[in-house]
């Protein structure tokens, strides 16, 4: 038979005359695939979730990111922690270098250096707290785990924008100055290979002095007599005493918080200002002394023995000293300003210092006002001046007192009628 023959070959054997019906064959069944059960999170606060693609994942800023296989949740978590700061900031994660200095490490080293200078008296505790607060902000906004060498000018542009939120140009100037000091510290110690100008480019400049001056002139940081009286009427014992210290002698938030009871004697408050180290001697008004007496009478117990002599203690037993995380005096004063329905910009506790200086300057004894404020006089005269008399200090504080609490007008003496008067 040739291939052209179309007759099919049914069987090579003898055909069966009785054709039996064949049973239909049962198709082979493929074993069902077992669906892999999603794993549970390895611990309660695990930051990722098991995605259907067998990856640990997380949605950031509306976009899904994957960090590793279900089989190794800890490695996935570590990758998330490395890339977290970049992703939350909207940046593409940088290449991971385990030996690179991170922003957190840099900030920690900077703070450690500054804390050492507090111990030697080269800077004050208040200055250190300002540096520490700046370090916290820098680490928060640039990302603790970000490699310093991999930062770019755009990162510093975003940092500057964050530092500028809710503050004036003068405050921004201080924040940028301190933040730049952190990176200058690294550069001087040889921890950075990148030139600082290339690191932040043109995006991390301080505000122009002309712009600061214009903004200051546009906002008058003063309280009126009526506003201070309204604050005093609503204030608690502690806040009343602090407000009076602010307008009686130009005491700021930290100045008040640091006062010891032993600093007050014979109607005078004498202590060095922490920020400048200058010795201040302030004659206290009767109203201020009365408010302080009420504070002492109702003062809560202190938790820390280091605060045994502190004049001001919170209801929780802590001091009122500002920290990198909180400024109790500012916070309480802000509530008070709101309750007193005082509006307008520049109405912080520090405005009391501005008001004291402004009213005190009306005496034209600028040297005495500066001494009461605790300012450093860097002039040649300031170098040679050894003391300022109590009478000059009292003249300034009495003038401010009479501005706030005007003395009652003196009654005119009745004139005797002359004997030869008209009948």
Protein backbone atom coordinates (compact mmCIF):
# COMPACT_ATOMS: atom_id res chain seq x y z
CA UNK A 1 0.00 0.00 0.00
CA UNK A 2 1.25 3.36 -0.89
CA UNK A 3 0.81 6.61 0.92
CA UNK A 4 -1.76 7.58 -1.71
CA UNK A 5 -4.07 4.70 -0.67
CA UNK A 6 -6.71 6.29 1.51
CA UNK A 7 -8.05 3.11 2.99
CA UNK A 8 -7.48 3.30 6.73
CA UNK A 9 -5.84 0.44 8.50
CA UNK A 10 -8.15 -0.46 11.33
CA UNK A 11 -6.32 -3.32 12.82
CA UNK A 12 -3.44 -5.56 12.02
CA UNK A 13 -5.19 -8.55 13.52
CA UNK A 14 -8.41 -10.39 12.64
CA UNK A 15 -11.43 -8.14 12.89
CA UNK A 16 -14.02 -9.00 15.59
CA UNK A 17 -17.37 -9.76 14.05
CA UNK A 18 -19.12 -8.71 17.23
CA UNK A 19 -18.23 -5.11 17.56
CA UNK A 20 -18.56 -4.16 21.20
CA UNK A 21 -19.21 -0.62 22.31
CA UNK A 22 -16.13 0.96 23.77
CA UNK A 23 -16.42 2.78 27.08
CA UNK A 24 -15.49 6.43 26.83
CA UNK A 25 -12.10 7.11 28.35
CA UNK A 26 -12.02 9.22 31.53
CA UNK A 27 -9.88 12.34 30.99
CA UNK A 28 -6.84 12.64 33.25
CA UNK A 29 -7.40 15.10 36.10
CA UNK A 30 -4.65 17.58 37.07
CA UNK A 31 -4.18 17.80 40.85
CA UNK A 32 -5.49 21.14 42.17
CA UNK A 33 -2.75 23.58 43.12
CA UNK A 34 -2.72 24.38 46.79
CA UNK A 35 -3.16 28.08 47.35
CA UNK A 36 -0.44 29.40 49.55
CA UNK A 37 -1.88 30.93 52.70
CA UNK A 38 -0.78 34.48 53.40
CA UNK A 39 1.52 34.60 56.39
CA UNK A 40 0.66 36.42 59.57
CA UNK A 41 2.69 39.47 60.54
CA UNK A 42 5.65 38.33 62.65
CA UNK A 43 4.68 40.77 65.40
CA UNK A 44 1.86 43.20 66.13
CA UNK A 45 3.46 46.45 64.95
CA UNK A 46 5.13 44.98 61.86
CA UNK A 47 5.03 47.85 59.32
CA UNK A 48 4.37 45.81 56.14
CA UNK A 49 1.50 43.64 54.88
CA UNK A 50 1.60 40.37 52.86
CA UNK A 51 0.71 41.18 49.25
CA UNK A 52 -0.84 38.62 46.86
CA UNK A 53 2.39 38.64 44.89
CA UNK A 54 4.09 36.85 47.81
CA UNK A 55 5.92 40.01 48.78
CA UNK A 56 5.84 42.14 51.88
CA UNK A 57 4.53 45.52 50.77
CA UNK A 58 3.44 48.98 51.90
CA UNK A 59 1.54 51.83 50.26
CA UNK A 60 3.39 55.15 50.53
CA UNK A 61 2.01 58.42 49.17
CA UNK A 62 -0.58 56.48 47.16
CA UNK A 63 1.92 54.10 45.54
CA UNK A 64 2.62 50.46 46.37
CA UNK A 65 6.21 49.41 47.17
CA UNK A 66 7.60 45.90 47.69
CA UNK A 67 10.35 45.02 50.14
CA UNK A 68 10.99 41.28 49.91
CA UNK A 69 9.61 37.76 49.90
CA UNK A 70 7.14 36.39 52.43
CA UNK A 71 9.89 33.94 53.43
CA UNK A 72 12.05 36.65 55.03
CA UNK A 73 9.92 39.28 56.78
CA UNK A 74 12.80 40.66 58.84
CA UNK A 75 14.91 41.40 55.76
CA UNK A 76 11.88 43.09 54.19
CA UNK A 77 11.36 45.18 57.31
CA UNK A 78 15.02 46.23 57.35
CA UNK A 79 14.79 47.33 53.74
CA UNK A 80 11.68 49.35 54.56
CA UNK A 81 13.45 51.06 57.45
CA UNK A 82 16.40 51.94 55.19
CA UNK A 83 14.19 53.40 52.48
CA UNK A 84 11.41 54.76 54.67
CA UNK A 85 12.68 58.33 54.99
CA UNK A 86 13.26 58.71 51.27
CA UNK A 87 9.88 57.23 50.34
CA UNK A 88 7.94 59.32 52.84
CA UNK A 89 9.70 62.43 51.53
CA UNK A 90 8.82 61.52 47.94
CA UNK A 91 12.43 60.73 46.99
CA UNK A 92 13.78 57.74 45.10
CA UNK A 93 15.62 55.58 47.67
CA UNK A 94 19.39 55.91 47.44
CA UNK A 95 21.77 52.98 47.16
CA UNK A 96 22.41 51.43 50.56
CA UNK A 97 25.94 51.70 51.91
CA UNK A 98 26.29 50.15 55.40
CA UNK A 99 29.49 52.15 56.02
CA UNK A 100 28.08 55.57 55.07
CA UNK A 101 27.48 58.16 57.78
CA UNK A 102 23.76 58.74 58.29
CA UNK A 103 22.07 62.00 59.17
CA UNK A 104 21.24 60.65 62.63
CA UNK A 105 24.87 59.71 63.30
CA UNK A 106 25.99 63.16 62.19
CA UNK A 107 23.44 64.91 64.41
CA UNK A 108 24.36 62.74 67.41
CA UNK A 109 28.06 63.55 67.02
CA UNK A 110 27.30 67.26 66.71
CA UNK A 111 25.15 67.28 69.86
CA UNK A 112 27.78 65.31 71.76
CA UNK A 113 30.37 67.95 70.85
CA UNK A 114 28.13 70.84 71.91
CA UNK A 115 27.18 69.13 75.17
CA UNK A 116 30.86 68.93 76.00
CA UNK A 117 31.13 72.69 75.56
CA UNK A 118 28.29 73.19 78.04
CA UNK A 119 30.35 71.27 80.60
CA UNK A 120 33.33 73.58 80.06
CA UNK A 121 31.18 76.71 80.17
CA UNK A 122 31.90 77.66 76.55
CA UNK A 123 28.21 77.68 75.64
CA UNK A 124 25.09 77.87 77.80
CA UNK A 125 22.53 75.14 78.37
CA UNK A 126 19.99 77.28 76.50
CA UNK A 127 22.25 77.47 73.44
CA UNK A 128 22.74 73.70 73.59
CA UNK A 129 18.96 73.18 73.70
CA UNK A 130 18.62 75.32 70.57
CA UNK A 131 21.28 73.24 68.79
CA UNK A 132 19.60 70.02 69.93
CA UNK A 133 16.22 71.18 68.63
CA UNK A 134 17.80 71.98 65.27
CA UNK A 135 19.40 68.54 65.13
CA UNK A 136 16.02 66.92 65.80
CA UNK A 137 14.43 68.92 62.97
CA UNK A 138 17.25 68.16 60.54
CA UNK A 139 17.07 64.41 61.25
CA UNK A 140 13.29 64.40 61.00
CA UNK A 141 13.05 66.19 57.66
CA UNK A 142 16.15 64.85 55.89
CA UNK A 143 15.61 61.34 57.23
CA UNK A 144 17.53 59.71 60.07
CA UNK A 145 18.81 56.86 57.91
CA UNK A 146 19.69 59.00 54.87
CA UNK A 147 23.39 58.86 53.93
CA UNK A 148 24.87 62.34 54.31
CA UNK A 149 27.02 62.06 51.19
CA UNK A 150 23.98 61.16 49.11
CA UNK A 151 21.99 64.28 50.04
CA UNK A 152 21.25 66.68 47.20
CA UNK A 153 20.41 70.40 46.95
CA UNK A 154 16.74 69.50 46.48
CA UNK A 155 16.78 67.77 49.88
CA UNK A 156 17.98 71.01 51.48
CA UNK A 157 15.39 73.02 49.59
CA UNK A 158 12.68 70.84 51.15
CA UNK A 159 14.35 71.08 54.56
CA UNK A 160 14.39 74.89 54.38
CA UNK A 161 10.69 74.90 53.46
CA UNK A 162 9.90 72.77 56.51
CA UNK A 163 11.98 74.98 58.81
CA UNK A 164 10.14 78.04 57.51
CA UNK A 165 6.68 76.73 58.36
CA UNK A 166 4.90 78.94 60.89
CA UNK A 167 7.88 81.18 61.74
CA UNK A 168 9.15 84.60 60.72
CA UNK A 169 12.30 85.31 58.76
CA UNK A 170 14.33 86.12 61.86
CA UNK A 171 13.52 82.75 63.42
CA UNK A 172 14.18 81.03 60.09
CA UNK A 173 17.59 82.73 59.96
CA UNK A 174 18.50 81.16 63.30
CA UNK A 175 17.21 77.73 62.28
CA UNK A 176 19.15 77.70 59.01
CA UNK A 177 22.30 78.96 60.76
CA UNK A 178 22.19 76.15 63.33
CA UNK A 179 21.38 73.50 60.72
CA UNK A 180 24.31 74.62 58.57
CA UNK A 181 26.51 74.45 61.68
CA UNK A 182 25.78 70.71 61.93
CA UNK A 183 27.18 70.07 58.45
CA UNK A 184 30.05 72.53 58.93
CA UNK A 185 31.00 70.50 62.01
CA UNK A 186 31.13 67.34 59.87
CA UNK A 187 33.17 69.04 57.17
CA UNK A 188 35.75 70.43 59.60
CA UNK A 189 36.18 67.02 61.19
CA UNK A 190 36.79 65.33 57.83
CA UNK A 191 33.58 63.29 57.86
CA UNK A 192 32.40 64.72 54.54
CA UNK A 193 34.13 64.43 51.19
CA UNK A 194 31.55 66.54 49.37
CA UNK A 195 32.08 70.29 49.39
CA UNK A 196 29.30 71.96 51.39
CA UNK A 197 28.45 74.36 48.56
CA UNK A 198 27.90 71.36 46.30
CA UNK A 199 25.97 69.53 49.03
CA UNK A 200 23.26 72.16 49.42
CA UNK A 201 23.95 74.34 46.38
CA UNK A 202 21.93 77.55 46.39
CA UNK A 203 18.96 76.00 48.17
CA UNK A 204 19.95 76.47 51.80
CA UNK A 205 20.76 80.16 52.09
CA UNK A 206 19.83 82.27 55.08
CA UNK A 207 17.15 84.94 54.55
CA UNK A 208 18.47 88.27 53.29
CA UNK A 209 19.04 90.82 56.07
CA UNK A 210 17.00 93.40 54.18
CA UNK A 211 14.03 91.02 54.08
CA UNK A 212 14.36 90.32 57.83
CA UNK A 213 14.53 94.03 58.59
CA UNK A 214 11.47 94.76 56.47
CA UNK A 215 9.44 92.01 58.12
CA UNK A 216 10.47 93.21 61.58
CA UNK A 217 9.39 96.75 60.74
CA UNK A 218 6.05 95.48 59.43
CA UNK A 219 5.26 93.63 62.67
CA UNK A 220 5.28 95.59 65.93
CA UNK A 221 6.09 93.14 68.71
CA UNK A 222 4.53 95.03 71.58
CA UNK A 223 1.76 94.58 74.09
CA UNK A 224 -0.42 97.50 75.04
CA UNK A 225 -1.04 98.32 78.68
CA UNK A 226 -4.62 97.06 78.33
CA UNK A 227 -3.51 93.74 76.84
CA UNK A 228 -1.09 93.03 79.69
CA UNK A 229 -3.75 93.87 82.27
CA UNK A 230 -6.18 91.52 80.51
CA UNK A 231 -3.58 88.73 80.60
CA UNK A 232 -2.90 89.27 84.29
CA UNK A 233 -6.59 89.10 85.14
CA UNK A 234 -6.99 85.68 83.47
CA UNK A 235 -3.63 84.15 84.38
CA UNK A 236 -2.96 81.35 86.86
CA UNK A 237 -0.64 82.10 89.80
CA UNK A 238 2.40 80.81 87.89
CA UNK A 239 1.65 82.62 84.64
CA UNK A 240 0.80 85.85 86.48
CA UNK A 241 4.18 85.83 88.20
CA UNK A 242 5.98 85.04 84.93
CA UNK A 243 4.16 87.81 83.04
CA UNK A 244 5.09 90.31 85.74
CA UNK A 245 8.72 89.17 85.63
CA UNK A 246 8.63 89.61 81.87
CA UNK A 247 7.42 93.21 82.01
CA UNK A 248 9.15 94.07 85.31
CA UNK A 249 12.63 93.10 84.13
CA UNK A 250 12.53 91.69 80.60
CA UNK A 251 12.61 88.02 81.64
CA UNK A 252 12.07 85.49 78.84
CA UNK A 253 10.65 81.96 78.89
CA UNK A 254 13.84 80.20 79.94
CA UNK A 255 14.85 83.05 82.26
CA UNK A 256 11.67 82.55 84.28
CA UNK A 257 11.85 78.76 84.25
CA UNK A 258 15.38 78.77 85.70
CA UNK A 259 14.76 81.12 88.63
CA UNK A 260 15.58 79.65 92.04
CA UNK A 261 13.79 80.80 95.16
CA UNK A 262 17.17 81.65 96.67
CA UNK A 263 17.77 84.15 93.83
CA UNK A 264 15.25 86.51 95.45
CA UNK A 265 16.23 88.53 98.51
CA UNK A 266 15.32 91.95 99.90
CA UNK A 267 13.04 92.72 96.96
CA UNK A 268 15.72 92.04 94.32
CA UNK A 269 16.17 89.16 91.88
CA UNK A 270 19.84 88.41 91.18
CA UNK A 271 21.13 85.68 88.86
CA UNK A 272 23.13 85.24 85.68
CA UNK A 273 21.24 85.04 82.43
CA UNK A 274 21.87 81.59 80.97
CA UNK A 275 21.86 82.72 77.34
CA UNK A 276 24.58 85.35 77.75
CA UNK A 277 26.13 84.57 81.12
CA UNK A 278 25.60 88.20 82.22
CA UNK A 279 24.74 88.89 85.84
CA UNK A 280 21.35 90.57 86.19
CA UNK A 281 20.06 92.45 89.19
CA UNK A 282 16.38 93.38 89.05
CA UNK A 283 14.37 95.43 91.57
CA UNK A 284 10.99 93.73 91.86
CA UNK A 285 7.70 95.60 92.01
CA UNK A 286 5.30 95.02 94.94
CA UNK A 287 2.90 93.34 92.49
CA UNK A 288 5.64 90.98 91.29
CA UNK A 289 6.68 90.08 94.84
CA UNK A 290 3.06 89.39 95.80
CA UNK A 291 2.59 87.12 92.77
CA UNK A 292 5.81 85.24 93.60
CA UNK A 293 4.62 84.77 97.21
CA UNK A 294 1.43 83.14 95.89
CA UNK A 295 3.47 80.82 93.69
CA UNK A 296 5.61 79.72 96.64
CA UNK A 297 2.49 79.17 98.77
CA UNK A 298 0.78 76.91 96.20
CA UNK A 299 3.91 75.36 94.65
CA UNK A 300 3.44 71.60 93.88
CA UNK A 301 6.01 69.07 95.04
CA UNK A 302 8.97 68.48 92.74
CA UNK A 303 9.87 65.08 91.27
CA UNK A 304 13.56 65.79 90.68
CA UNK A 305 15.72 66.83 93.64
CA UNK A 306 17.62 69.13 91.25
CA UNK A 307 14.45 71.25 91.20
CA UNK A 308 14.15 71.53 94.97
CA UNK A 309 14.92 75.27 94.87
CA UNK A 310 13.14 76.07 91.59
CA UNK A 311 10.52 78.80 91.92
CA UNK A 312 8.24 77.42 89.21
CA UNK A 313 7.10 73.77 89.17
CA UNK A 314 4.31 72.41 86.97
CA UNK A 315 1.29 70.60 88.40
CA UNK A 316 3.01 67.38 87.31
CA UNK A 317 6.05 68.10 89.48
CA UNK A 318 8.38 69.05 86.61
CA UNK A 319 10.26 72.25 85.82
CA UNK A 320 9.16 74.73 83.14
CA UNK A 321 12.46 74.70 81.24
CA UNK A 322 12.02 74.53 77.43
CA UNK A 323 13.35 71.43 75.71
CA UNK A 324 13.76 70.27 72.13
CA UNK A 325 10.26 68.77 72.32
CA UNK A 326 8.25 71.29 74.33
CA UNK A 327 8.20 74.85 75.61
CA UNK A 328 5.72 74.87 78.53
CA UNK A 329 5.83 78.65 79.10
CA UNK A 330 5.13 79.43 75.44
CA UNK A 331 2.36 76.85 75.24
CA UNK A 332 0.53 78.09 78.33
CA UNK A 333 0.99 81.72 77.32
CA UNK A 334 -0.44 81.04 73.85
CA UNK A 335 -3.60 79.62 75.47
CA UNK A 336 -3.83 82.70 77.67
CA UNK A 337 -3.51 85.08 74.70
CA UNK A 338 -6.32 83.21 72.98
CA UNK A 339 -8.54 83.33 76.09
CA UNK A 340 -7.90 87.06 76.40
CA UNK A 341 -8.97 87.47 72.75
CA UNK A 342 -5.72 89.26 71.91
CA UNK A 343 -5.14 89.16 68.17
CA UNK A 344 -2.38 90.12 65.78
CA UNK A 345 1.10 88.87 65.01
CA UNK A 346 4.01 89.01 67.42
CA UNK A 347 2.08 88.26 70.61
CA UNK A 348 4.30 85.64 72.25
CA UNK A 349 5.73 85.55 75.77
CA UNK A 350 8.95 87.02 74.41
CA UNK A 351 6.97 90.10 73.36
CA UNK A 352 7.07 91.11 77.03
CA UNK A 353 10.85 91.56 76.64
CA UNK A 354 10.28 93.75 73.58
CA UNK A 355 7.75 95.79 75.51
CA UNK A 356 10.02 96.20 78.55
CA UNK A 357 12.93 97.34 76.40
CA UNK A 358 10.76 99.77 74.40
CA UNK A 359 9.13 101.41 77.41
CA UNK A 360 12.35 101.31 79.45
CA UNK A 361 14.26 103.12 76.70
CA UNK A 362 12.02 106.13 77.29
CA UNK A 363 14.18 106.86 80.35
CA UNK A 364 17.11 107.34 77.92
CA UNK A 365 19.32 105.29 80.22
CA UNK A 366 20.08 102.67 77.58
CA UNK A 367 22.96 101.19 79.55
CA UNK A 368 20.72 100.47 82.54
CA UNK A 369 18.02 98.96 80.30
CA UNK A 370 20.60 96.73 78.60
CA UNK A 371 21.88 95.55 81.99
CA UNK A 372 18.37 94.69 83.15
CA UNK A 373 17.77 92.78 79.91
CA UNK A 374 20.96 90.76 80.42
CA UNK A 375 22.50 91.87 77.14
CA UNK A 376 26.23 91.70 76.45
CA UNK A 377 27.76 95.15 75.90
CA UNK A 378 30.63 94.51 73.50
CA UNK A 379 31.64 98.17 73.20
CA UNK A 380 34.86 99.59 74.63
CA UNK A 381 32.79 101.36 77.30
CA UNK A 382 31.12 98.08 78.17
CA UNK A 383 34.54 96.50 78.63
CA UNK A 384 35.58 99.16 81.16
CA UNK A 385 32.23 99.61 82.94
CA UNK A 386 32.31 97.57 86.14
CA UNK A 387 28.89 98.27 87.65
CA UNK A 388 25.63 100.16 87.31
CA UNK A 389 24.09 101.70 90.40
CA UNK A 390 20.89 100.31 91.91
CA UNK A 391 19.34 103.78 91.60
CA UNK A 392 19.67 103.70 87.80
CA UNK A 393 18.13 100.22 87.62
CA UNK A 394 15.27 101.28 89.88
CA UNK A 395 14.60 104.38 87.80
CA UNK A 396 14.05 102.22 84.72
CA UNK A 397 11.79 99.64 86.39
CA UNK A 398 9.77 102.34 88.15
CA UNK A 399 9.17 104.08 84.82
CA UNK A 400 7.86 100.84 83.28
CA UNK A 401 5.75 100.23 86.42
CA UNK A 402 4.10 103.63 86.14
CA UNK A 403 3.40 102.99 82.47
CA UNK A 404 1.60 99.73 83.32
CA UNK A 405 0.03 100.85 86.59
CA UNK A 406 -0.41 104.64 86.26
CA UNK A 407 -0.31 106.30 89.68
CA UNK A 408 -3.49 108.02 90.79
CA UNK A 409 -3.36 111.74 90.10
CA UNK A 410 -2.42 113.73 93.18
CA UNK A 411 -5.27 115.69 94.67
CA UNK A 412 -4.80 119.42 94.46
CA UNK A 413 -4.39 121.16 97.79
CA UNK A 414 -7.22 123.53 98.63
CA UNK A 415 -6.03 127.15 98.59
CA UNK A 416 -6.92 129.37 101.51
CA UNK A 417 -9.02 132.39 100.69
CA UNK A 418 -7.23 135.62 101.28
CA UNK A 419 -8.52 137.84 104.09
CA UNK A 420 -9.06 140.68 101.74
CA UNK A 421 -11.15 138.65 99.38
CA UNK A 422 -14.36 139.78 97.79
CA UNK A 423 -17.36 139.89 100.12
